[in-house]
Every structure is written in structure tokens, then in C-alpha cells.
Amino acid sequence: MLRHELEPHGLEIVTVALDSRGAGAARPWIEAAGATHPSLIDEAHVLDDLLGVVNVPSGTWIDEGGTIVRPPEPAFPTRLVADSIASATLPEDAPPRRRQSLAEARKIRFEPEAYVEGLRDWVTLGARSRLALAPDEVIARSPARSPEVARAAACFELGQHVARRGDRAGAVPHFREALRLQPDNWTHRREAYALLDAGQDPLHVYGSDWLSEVMRMGAENYYPPLDM
């Protein structure tokens, strides 16, 4: 594991699950990974709101002094996800939409080799690494907080509040507005879809689902290219 390799050299990896459904939703994945590093759960989505995380997995590099030296960017430690998608098979009677989803997933860009090599460079060289950005560069690369994005965050938080009170149907209009204001925020989108009642179809409730949104933006744009 990457943490076992780099932790002796001073790196600590902390993973954060963004899921308002709590430990029950995240625990199976954490246990399946056999994680030995701190594994946290952010039920209120505070982290993605503060850092501007719009998709997962995203990684943020923070130095020993608590300073961000790289803002959120796609963070794949291995080719496991890409390889599992590439080798996935579906039963012959799989619905056409499911087959189409797999075909689009295979077009997504994964760059684990570049990310891991960059991380090793930073761990080895620290502040001397060309990948450790100056504060002004970090700010320049961080996602802008436009009025629309700020309103989307407010609508999303309100939807979460309503859902936590047990009114999932009442949360839908707030989530719908958040998705309208910031359509490419996949952390908002996943949460909105996950909090639907059993049997509800996101395509019916929100007029979109994972496949329709990926086709809208282009699977090759699902993750931005790493700038390393």
C-alpha cells in the first residue's frame, strides 16, 4: 500500500468519506480496503465545501505547517478502479442503459501513475519539489467561488438539513436547485441521488442521472487532466 511505503518518510494519508448517511454507508468500503490510516466520515460535507471538492477521489496536499501546497485534484493511488472497469462484464440480459453506462465509464481518464510519482517526489523533496506550489499558485488553481457556486452550496446544505429531519421528498427541490446552479458538482449530485427513497429513479426525479450527465459533459472530462 502507498501509505506503508511513504509513511516512514513522513507522509500521513487521511481519507474522508463524503456521505451524510454516516458510518453505516462508509464502513463496508473502509473495512474492505483494510485501511490502517485515519479514515474519517464527513456527514455535513464540510470538507468539500471548504476546499472546493466537486468529485472523488480528490487529493489535497498539506505540508507539515498546515499549509495547502496543492489544492484538490484527481487522486488515484493505484490502477485498481480503471482495471476493474476495463475488465467488467455484464450479463447478457443487462439493460441497455447499464451497458451504455459501462461503455462511458471506460472512456474516463485515470492517471494513477502520474499522481503517485508526483506524491513520491513531494515526500522526497518537500518544499524543494517542483510540485509543491506557492500560495499564489494554490489560489490560482483553486476553484472559483462564484455567486452561483455559493448559492448552490447553500441550497445543498438546506437540502441536507431537510433530509436529516426525515423529509427526503422535501429535500428534493433544494438539491435540484443546487444541481442547476452547479451542474458539474458530482459530490452534490451523488448525495442527491443517494438520498432518494428506495425505488426512485434520479432520471425521473431530477431529470438526470449519472449516465446522462457524463454524456452531457463528455466522459473524457469527468476528471480534469493532472497538471504535474
C-alpha atoms as a PDB file:
ATOM      1  CA  MET A   1       0.000   0.000   0.000  1.00  0.00           C
ATOM      2  CA  LEU A   2       1.093   3.554  -0.740  1.00  0.00           C
ATOM      3  CA  ARG A   3       0.787   4.587   2.887  1.00  0.00           C
ATOM      4  CA  HIS A   4       3.046   1.739   4.016  1.00  0.00           C
ATOM      5  CA  GLU A   5       5.647   2.923   1.510  1.00  0.00           C
ATOM      6  CA  LEU A   6       5.563   6.636   2.310  1.00  0.00           C
ATOM      7  CA  GLU A   7       4.535   6.873   5.975  1.00  0.00           C
ATOM      8  CA  PRO A   8       8.090   6.061   7.200  1.00  0.00           C
ATOM      9  CA  HIS A   9       9.267   9.087   5.203  1.00  0.00           C
ATOM     10  CA  GLY A  10       6.898  11.464   6.953  1.00  0.00           C
ATOM     11  CA  LEU A  11       3.682  11.281   4.942  1.00  0.00           C
ATOM     12  CA  GLU A  12       0.355  10.596   6.618  1.00  0.00           C
ATOM     13  CA  ILE A  13      -2.668   9.800   4.484  1.00  0.00           C
ATOM     14  CA  VAL A  14      -6.111  10.684   5.812  1.00  0.00           C
ATOM     15  CA  THR A  15      -9.181   9.628   3.857  1.00  0.00           C
ATOM     16  CA  VAL A  16     -12.528  11.344   4.244  1.00  0.00           C
ATOM     17  CA  ALA A  17     -15.804   9.826   3.063  1.00  0.00           C
ATOM     18  CA  LEU A  18     -18.318  12.478   1.987  1.00  0.00           C
ATOM     19  CA  ASP A  19     -21.622  10.867   2.903  1.00  0.00           C
ATOM     20  CA  SER A  20     -24.408  12.232   5.076  1.00  0.00           C
ATOM     21  CA  ARG A  21     -25.686   8.667   5.614  1.00  0.00           C
ATOM     22  CA  GLY A  22     -22.870   8.231   8.117  1.00  0.00           C
ATOM     23  CA  ALA A  23     -20.684   5.350   9.206  1.00  0.00           C
ATOM     24  CA  GLY A  24     -23.136   2.694   8.092  1.00  0.00           C
ATOM     25  CA  ALA A  25     -22.705   3.695   4.454  1.00  0.00           C
ATOM     26  CA  ALA A  26     -18.937   4.162   4.514  1.00  0.00           C
ATOM     27  CA  ARG A  27     -17.844   1.365   6.871  1.00  0.00           C
ATOM     28  CA  PRO A  28     -18.064  -1.552   4.372  1.00  0.00           C
ATOM     29  CA  TRP A  29     -15.741   0.242   1.958  1.00  0.00           C
ATOM     30  CA  ILE A  30     -13.261   1.179   4.676  1.00  0.00           C
ATOM     31  CA  GLU A  31     -13.203  -2.344   6.053  1.00  0.00           C
ATOM     32  CA  ALA A  32     -12.886  -3.897   2.590  1.00  0.00           C
ATOM     33  CA  ALA A  33      -9.834  -1.711   1.960  1.00  0.00           C
ATOM     34  CA  GLY A  34      -8.225  -2.863   5.205  1.00  0.00           C
ATOM     35  CA  ALA A  35      -7.339   0.729   5.934  1.00  0.00           C
ATOM     36  CA  THR A  36      -4.644   1.385   8.546  1.00  0.00           C
ATOM     37  CA  HIS A  37      -4.610   5.153   8.082  1.00  0.00           C
ATOM     38  CA  PRO A  38      -7.124   7.556   9.689  1.00  0.00           C
ATOM     39  CA  SER A  39     -10.449   7.095   7.884  1.00  0.00           C
ATOM     40  CA  LEU A  40     -12.972   9.842   8.606  1.00  0.00           C
ATOM     41  CA  ILE A  41     -16.581  10.471   7.602  1.00  0.00           C
ATOM     42  CA  ASP A  42     -17.807  13.959   6.753  1.00  0.00           C
ATOM     43  CA  GLU A  43     -21.586  13.748   7.049  1.00  0.00           C
ATOM     44  CA  ALA A  44     -22.095  17.507   6.578  1.00  0.00           C
ATOM     45  CA  HIS A  45     -19.808  17.781   3.526  1.00  0.00           C
ATOM     46  CA  VAL A  46     -17.794  20.474   5.291  1.00  0.00           C
ATOM     47  CA  LEU A  47     -14.536  19.429   3.645  1.00  0.00           C
ATOM     48  CA  ASP A  48     -15.729  19.662   0.069  1.00  0.00           C
ATOM     49  CA  ASP A  49     -17.393  22.985   0.812  1.00  0.00           C
ATOM     50  CA  LEU A  50     -14.201  24.458   2.298  1.00  0.00           C
ATOM     51  CA  LEU A  51     -11.776  23.059  -0.279  1.00  0.00           C
ATOM     52  CA  GLY A  52     -13.955  23.073  -3.379  1.00  0.00           C
ATOM     53  CA  VAL A  53     -14.032  19.311  -3.917  1.00  0.00           C
ATOM     54  CA  VAL A  54     -16.513  18.501  -6.698  1.00  0.00           C
ATOM     55  CA  ASN A  55     -15.655  14.851  -7.389  1.00  0.00           C
ATOM     56  CA  VAL A  56     -13.997  11.866  -5.736  1.00  0.00           C
ATOM     57  CA  PRO A  57     -11.401  10.665  -5.269  1.00  0.00           C
ATOM     58  CA  SER A  58      -9.706  14.037  -4.812  1.00  0.00           C
ATOM     59  CA  GLY A  59      -6.441  14.633  -3.008  1.00  0.00           C
ATOM     60  CA  THR A  60      -5.157  17.767  -1.274  1.00  0.00           C
ATOM     61  CA  TRP A  61      -1.525  18.081  -0.201  1.00  0.00           C
ATOM     62  CA  ILE A  62      -0.889  19.791   3.130  1.00  0.00           C
ATOM     63  CA  ASP A  63       2.624  20.319   4.459  1.00  0.00           C
ATOM     64  CA  GLU A  64       3.954  19.989   7.999  1.00  0.00           C
ATOM     65  CA  GLY A  65       2.988  23.566   8.783  1.00  0.00           C
ATOM     66  CA  GLY A  66      -0.643  23.030   7.820  1.00  0.00           C
ATOM     67  CA  THR A  67      -0.312  24.924   4.540  1.00  0.00           C
ATOM     68  CA  ILE A  68      -2.024  23.623   1.405  1.00  0.00           C
ATOM     69  CA  VAL A  69       0.614  23.111  -1.290  1.00  0.00           C
ATOM     70  CA  ARG A  70      -1.680  21.509  -3.858  1.00  0.00           C
ATOM     71  CA  PRO A  71      -5.463  22.096  -3.994  1.00  0.00           C
ATOM     72  CA  PRO A  72      -7.914  19.275  -4.761  1.00  0.00           C
ATOM     73  CA  GLU A  73      -7.147  17.224  -7.863  1.00  0.00           C
ATOM     74  CA  PRO A  74      -7.946  13.660  -9.034  1.00  0.00           C
ATOM     75  CA  ALA A  75      -6.131  11.266  -6.703  1.00  0.00           C
ATOM     76  CA  PHE A  76      -5.897   7.608  -7.682  1.00  0.00           C
ATOM     77  CA  PRO A  77      -3.242   5.646  -5.750  1.00  0.00           C
ATOM     78  CA  THR A  78      -3.493   2.537  -7.989  1.00  0.00           C
ATOM     79  CA  ARG A  79      -4.968   1.344 -11.276  1.00  0.00           C
ATOM     80  CA  LEU A  80      -7.460  -0.830  -9.398  1.00  0.00           C
ATOM     81  CA  VAL A  81     -10.515   1.231 -10.355  1.00  0.00           C
ATOM     82  CA  ALA A  82      -9.515   1.635 -14.003  1.00  0.00           C
ATOM     83  CA  ASP A  83      -8.620  -2.035 -14.350  1.00  0.00           C
ATOM     84  CA  SER A  84     -11.845  -3.197 -12.709  1.00  0.00           C
ATOM     85  CA  ILE A  85     -13.892  -1.064 -15.109  1.00  0.00           C
ATOM     86  CA  ALA A  86     -11.887  -2.274 -18.103  1.00  0.00           C
ATOM     87  CA  SER A  87     -12.382  -5.935 -17.159  1.00  0.00           C
ATOM     88  CA  ALA A  88     -16.010  -5.673 -16.030  1.00  0.00           C
ATOM     89  CA  THR A  89     -18.559  -7.883 -17.756  1.00  0.00           C
ATOM     90  CA  LEU A  90     -22.336  -7.701 -17.748  1.00  0.00           C
ATOM     91  CA  PRO A  91     -24.913 -10.485 -18.063  1.00  0.00           C
ATOM     92  CA  GLU A  92     -26.405 -10.941 -21.485  1.00  0.00           C
ATOM     93  CA  ASP A  93     -29.772  -9.637 -20.285  1.00  0.00           C
ATOM     94  CA  ALA A  94     -28.332  -6.441 -18.772  1.00  0.00           C
ATOM     95  CA  PRO A  95     -30.476  -3.385 -19.576  1.00  0.00           C
ATOM     96  CA  PRO A  96     -29.201  -1.228 -22.461  1.00  0.00           C
ATOM     97  CA  ARG A  97     -28.737   1.766 -20.171  1.00  0.00           C
ATOM     98  CA  ARG A  98     -26.463  -0.242 -17.896  1.00  0.00           C
ATOM     99  CA  ARG A  99     -24.393  -1.342 -20.867  1.00  0.00           C
ATOM    100  CA  GLN A 100     -24.147   2.259 -22.007  1.00  0.00           C
ATOM    101  CA  SER A 101     -23.019   3.346 -18.536  1.00  0.00           C
ATOM    102  CA  LEU A 102     -20.170   0.819 -18.604  1.00  0.00           C
ATOM    103  CA  ALA A 103     -19.160   1.950 -22.084  1.00  0.00           C
ATOM    104  CA  GLU A 104     -18.982   5.579 -20.915  1.00  0.00           C
ATOM    105  CA  ALA A 105     -17.092   4.628 -17.735  1.00  0.00           C
ATOM    106  CA  ARG A 106     -14.393   3.032 -19.879  1.00  0.00           C
ATOM    107  CA  LYS A 107     -13.770   6.406 -21.526  1.00  0.00           C
ATOM    108  CA  ILE A 108     -12.941   8.136 -18.221  1.00  0.00           C
ATOM    109  CA  ARG A 109      -9.350   9.337 -17.796  1.00  0.00           C
ATOM    110  CA  PHE A 110      -7.417   7.748 -14.922  1.00  0.00           C
ATOM    111  CA  GLU A 111      -3.824   8.837 -14.161  1.00  0.00           C
ATOM    112  CA  PRO A 112      -2.653   6.939 -11.063  1.00  0.00           C
ATOM    113  CA  GLU A 113       0.950   6.563 -12.232  1.00  0.00           C
ATOM    114  CA  ALA A 114       1.454  10.315 -12.632  1.00  0.00           C
ATOM    115  CA  TYR A 115      -0.211  11.052  -9.307  1.00  0.00           C
ATOM    116  CA  VAL A 116       1.777   8.506  -7.307  1.00  0.00           C
ATOM    117  CA  GLU A 117       5.088   9.570  -8.853  1.00  0.00           C
ATOM    118  CA  GLY A 118       4.261  13.172  -8.026  1.00  0.00           C
ATOM    119  CA  LEU A 119       3.472  12.258  -4.439  1.00  0.00           C
ATOM    120  CA  ARG A 120       6.756  10.396  -4.105  1.00  0.00           C
ATOM    121  CA  ASP A 121       8.606  13.418  -5.451  1.00  0.00           C
ATOM    122  CA  TRP A 122       6.994  15.702  -2.875  1.00  0.00           C
ATOM    123  CA  VAL A 123       7.635  13.296   0.003  1.00  0.00           C
ATOM    124  CA  THR A 124      11.292  13.034  -1.022  1.00  0.00           C
ATOM    125  CA  LEU A 125      11.993  16.710  -1.739  1.00  0.00           C
ATOM    126  CA  GLY A 126       9.438  18.529   0.386  1.00  0.00           C
ATOM    127  CA  ALA A 127       9.344  22.262  -0.293  1.00  0.00           C
ATOM    128  CA  ARG A 128      12.054  21.791  -2.942  1.00  0.00           C
ATOM    129  CA  SER A 129       9.733  19.673  -5.075  1.00  0.00           C
ATOM    130  CA  ARG A 130       8.585  21.418  -8.235  1.00  0.00           C
ATOM    131  CA  LEU A 131       5.112  20.087  -7.396  1.00  0.00           C
ATOM    132  CA  ALA A 132       4.873  21.968  -4.090  1.00  0.00           C
ATOM    133  CA  LEU A 133       3.079  25.119  -5.192  1.00  0.00           C
ATOM    134  CA  ALA A 134       3.495  28.599  -3.781  1.00  0.00           C
ATOM    135  CA  PRO A 135       0.432  30.110  -2.055  1.00  0.00           C
ATOM    136  CA  ASP A 136      -0.469  32.294  -5.042  1.00  0.00           C
ATOM    137  CA  GLU A 137      -0.326  29.256  -7.337  1.00  0.00           C
ATOM    138  CA  VAL A 138      -2.569  27.295  -4.967  1.00  0.00           C
ATOM    139  CA  ILE A 139      -5.103  30.120  -5.021  1.00  0.00           C
ATOM    140  CA  ALA A 140      -4.934  30.371  -8.807  1.00  0.00           C
ATOM    141  CA  ARG A 141      -5.626  26.644  -9.181  1.00  0.00           C
ATOM    142  CA  SER A 142      -8.402  26.531  -6.615  1.00  0.00           C
ATOM    143  CA  PRO A 143     -11.967  26.550  -7.970  1.00  0.00           C
ATOM    144  CA  ALA A 144     -13.631  29.949  -8.044  1.00  0.00           C
ATOM    145  CA  ARG A 145     -16.431  30.689  -5.598  1.00  0.00           C
ATOM    146  CA  SER A 146     -18.862  32.475  -7.876  1.00  0.00           C
ATOM    147  CA  PRO A 147     -22.269  33.691  -6.643  1.00  0.00           C
ATOM    148  CA  GLU A 148     -23.855  30.679  -8.364  1.00  0.00           C
ATOM    149  CA  VAL A 149     -21.496  28.252  -6.632  1.00  0.00           C
ATOM    150  CA  ALA A 150     -22.132  29.934  -3.271  1.00  0.00           C
ATOM    151  CA  ARG A 151     -25.899  29.662  -3.759  1.00  0.00           C
ATOM    152  CA  ALA A 152     -25.522  26.037  -4.840  1.00  0.00           C
ATOM    153  CA  ALA A 153     -23.682  25.289  -1.576  1.00  0.00           C
ATOM    154  CA  ALA A 154     -26.444  26.971   0.420  1.00  0.00           C
ATOM    155  CA  CYS A 155     -29.178  25.029  -1.388  1.00  0.00           C
ATOM    156  CA  PHE A 156     -27.258  21.787  -0.927  1.00  0.00           C
ATOM    157  CA  GLU A 157     -26.830  22.414   2.807  1.00  0.00           C
ATOM    158  CA  LEU A 158     -30.519  23.204   3.161  1.00  0.00           C
ATOM    159  CA  GLY A 159     -31.414  20.004   1.316  1.00  0.00           C
ATOM    160  CA  GLN A 160     -29.203  18.021   3.675  1.00  0.00           C
ATOM    161  CA  HIS A 161     -30.842  19.652   6.690  1.00  0.00           C
ATOM    162  CA  VAL A 162     -34.327  18.773   5.442  1.00  0.00           C
ATOM    163  CA  ALA A 163     -33.269  15.204   4.609  1.00  0.00           C
ATOM    164  CA  ARG A 164     -31.722  14.715   8.065  1.00  0.00           C
ATOM    165  CA  ARG A 165     -35.090  15.618   9.570  1.00  0.00           C
ATOM    166  CA  GLY A 166     -36.579  12.670   7.691  1.00  0.00           C
ATOM    167  CA  ASP A 167     -38.215  14.580   4.842  1.00  0.00           C
ATOM    168  CA  ARG A 168     -36.368  13.275   1.802  1.00  0.00           C
ATOM    169  CA  ALA A 169     -39.094  14.394  -0.574  1.00  0.00           C
ATOM    170  CA  GLY A 170     -38.886  17.897   0.858  1.00  0.00           C
ATOM    171  CA  ALA A 171     -35.139  17.926   0.254  1.00  0.00           C
ATOM    172  CA  VAL A 172     -35.506  17.317  -3.481  1.00  0.00           C
ATOM    173  CA  PRO A 173     -36.323  20.924  -4.541  1.00  0.00           C
ATOM    174  CA  HIS A 174     -33.266  22.224  -2.683  1.00  0.00           C
ATOM    175  CA  PHE A 175     -30.994  19.583  -4.205  1.00  0.00           C
ATOM    176  CA  ARG A 176     -32.499  20.222  -7.632  1.00  0.00           C
ATOM    177  CA  GLU A 177     -31.639  23.913  -7.356  1.00  0.00           C
ATOM    178  CA  ALA A 178     -28.102  23.110  -6.192  1.00  0.00           C
ATOM    179  CA  LEU A 179     -27.589  20.883  -9.237  1.00  0.00           C
ATOM    180  CA  ARG A 180     -28.989  23.549 -11.545  1.00  0.00           C
ATOM    181  CA  LEU A 181     -26.634  26.192 -10.182  1.00  0.00           C
ATOM    182  CA  GLN A 182     -23.537  23.952 -10.210  1.00  0.00           C
ATOM    183  CA  PRO A 183     -24.252  21.040 -12.558  1.00  0.00           C
ATOM    184  CA  ASP A 184     -20.706  19.651 -12.561  1.00  0.00           C
ATOM    185  CA  ASN A 185     -20.513  19.227  -8.784  1.00  0.00           C
ATOM    186  CA  TRP A 186     -20.541  15.452  -8.513  1.00  0.00           C
ATOM    187  CA  THR A 187     -20.377  15.415  -4.704  1.00  0.00           C
ATOM    188  CA  HIS A 188     -23.697  17.262  -4.632  1.00  0.00           C
ATOM    189  CA  ARG A 189     -25.103  15.041  -7.353  1.00  0.00           C
ATOM    190  CA  ARG A 190     -24.149  11.762  -5.658  1.00  0.00           C
ATOM    191  CA  GLU A 191     -25.657  12.879  -2.373  1.00  0.00           C
ATOM    192  CA  ALA A 192     -28.904  13.961  -4.016  1.00  0.00           C
ATOM    193  CA  TYR A 193     -29.217  10.641  -5.825  1.00  0.00           C
ATOM    194  CA  ALA A 194     -28.252   8.588  -2.741  1.00  0.00           C
ATOM    195  CA  LEU A 195     -30.886  10.248  -0.552  1.00  0.00           C
ATOM    196  CA  LEU A 196     -33.798   9.350  -2.809  1.00  0.00           C
ATOM    197  CA  ASP A 197     -36.292   6.887  -1.413  1.00  0.00           C
ATOM    198  CA  ALA A 198     -35.859   3.253  -2.433  1.00  0.00           C
ATOM    199  CA  GLY A 199     -37.092   2.635  -5.951  1.00  0.00           C
ATOM    200  CA  GLN A 200     -36.937   6.264  -7.037  1.00  0.00           C
ATOM    201  CA  ASP A 201     -35.103   6.920 -10.299  1.00  0.00           C
ATOM    202  CA  PRO A 202     -32.833  10.009 -10.398  1.00  0.00           C
ATOM    203  CA  LEU A 203     -33.708  10.411 -14.077  1.00  0.00           C
ATOM    204  CA  HIS A 204     -37.368  10.796 -13.130  1.00  0.00           C
ATOM    205  CA  VAL A 205     -36.866  12.942 -10.022  1.00  0.00           C
ATOM    206  CA  TYR A 206     -34.053  15.214 -11.210  1.00  0.00           C
ATOM    207  CA  GLY A 207     -34.285  14.841 -14.957  1.00  0.00           C
ATOM    208  CA  SER A 208     -30.758  13.430 -14.963  1.00  0.00           C
ATOM    209  CA  ASP A 209     -28.691  10.519 -13.746  1.00  0.00           C
ATOM    210  CA  TRP A 210     -25.022   9.521 -13.850  1.00  0.00           C
ATOM    211  CA  LEU A 211     -25.136   8.416 -17.475  1.00  0.00           C
ATOM    212  CA  SER A 212     -26.988  11.425 -18.838  1.00  0.00           C
ATOM    213  CA  GLU A 213     -24.658  13.842 -17.047  1.00  0.00           C
ATOM    214  CA  VAL A 214     -21.499  12.046 -18.171  1.00  0.00           C
ATOM    215  CA  MET A 215     -22.738  12.107 -21.747  1.00  0.00           C
ATOM    216  CA  ARG A 216     -23.543  15.801 -21.424  1.00  0.00           C
ATOM    217  CA  MET A 217     -20.065  16.770 -20.263  1.00  0.00           C
ATOM    218  CA  GLY A 218     -18.127  14.019 -22.047  1.00  0.00           C
ATOM    219  CA  ALA A 219     -16.617  11.085 -20.168  1.00  0.00           C
ATOM    220  CA  GLU A 220     -13.125  12.351 -21.009  1.00  0.00           C
ATOM    221  CA  ASN A 221     -13.914  15.456 -18.919  1.00  0.00           C
ATOM    222  CA  TYR A 222     -15.193  13.572 -15.868  1.00  0.00           C
ATOM    223  CA  TYR A 223     -11.815  14.172 -14.208  1.00  0.00           C
ATOM    224  CA  PRO A 224      -9.627  17.100 -15.305  1.00  0.00           C
ATOM    225  CA  PRO A 225      -6.131  16.231 -16.516  1.00  0.00           C
ATOM    226  CA  LEU A 226      -3.445  16.259 -13.836  1.00  0.00           C
ATOM    227  CA  ASP A 227      -1.191  19.285 -14.108  1.00  0.00           C
ATOM    228  CA  MET A 228       2.039  17.812 -12.793  1.00  0.00           C
END
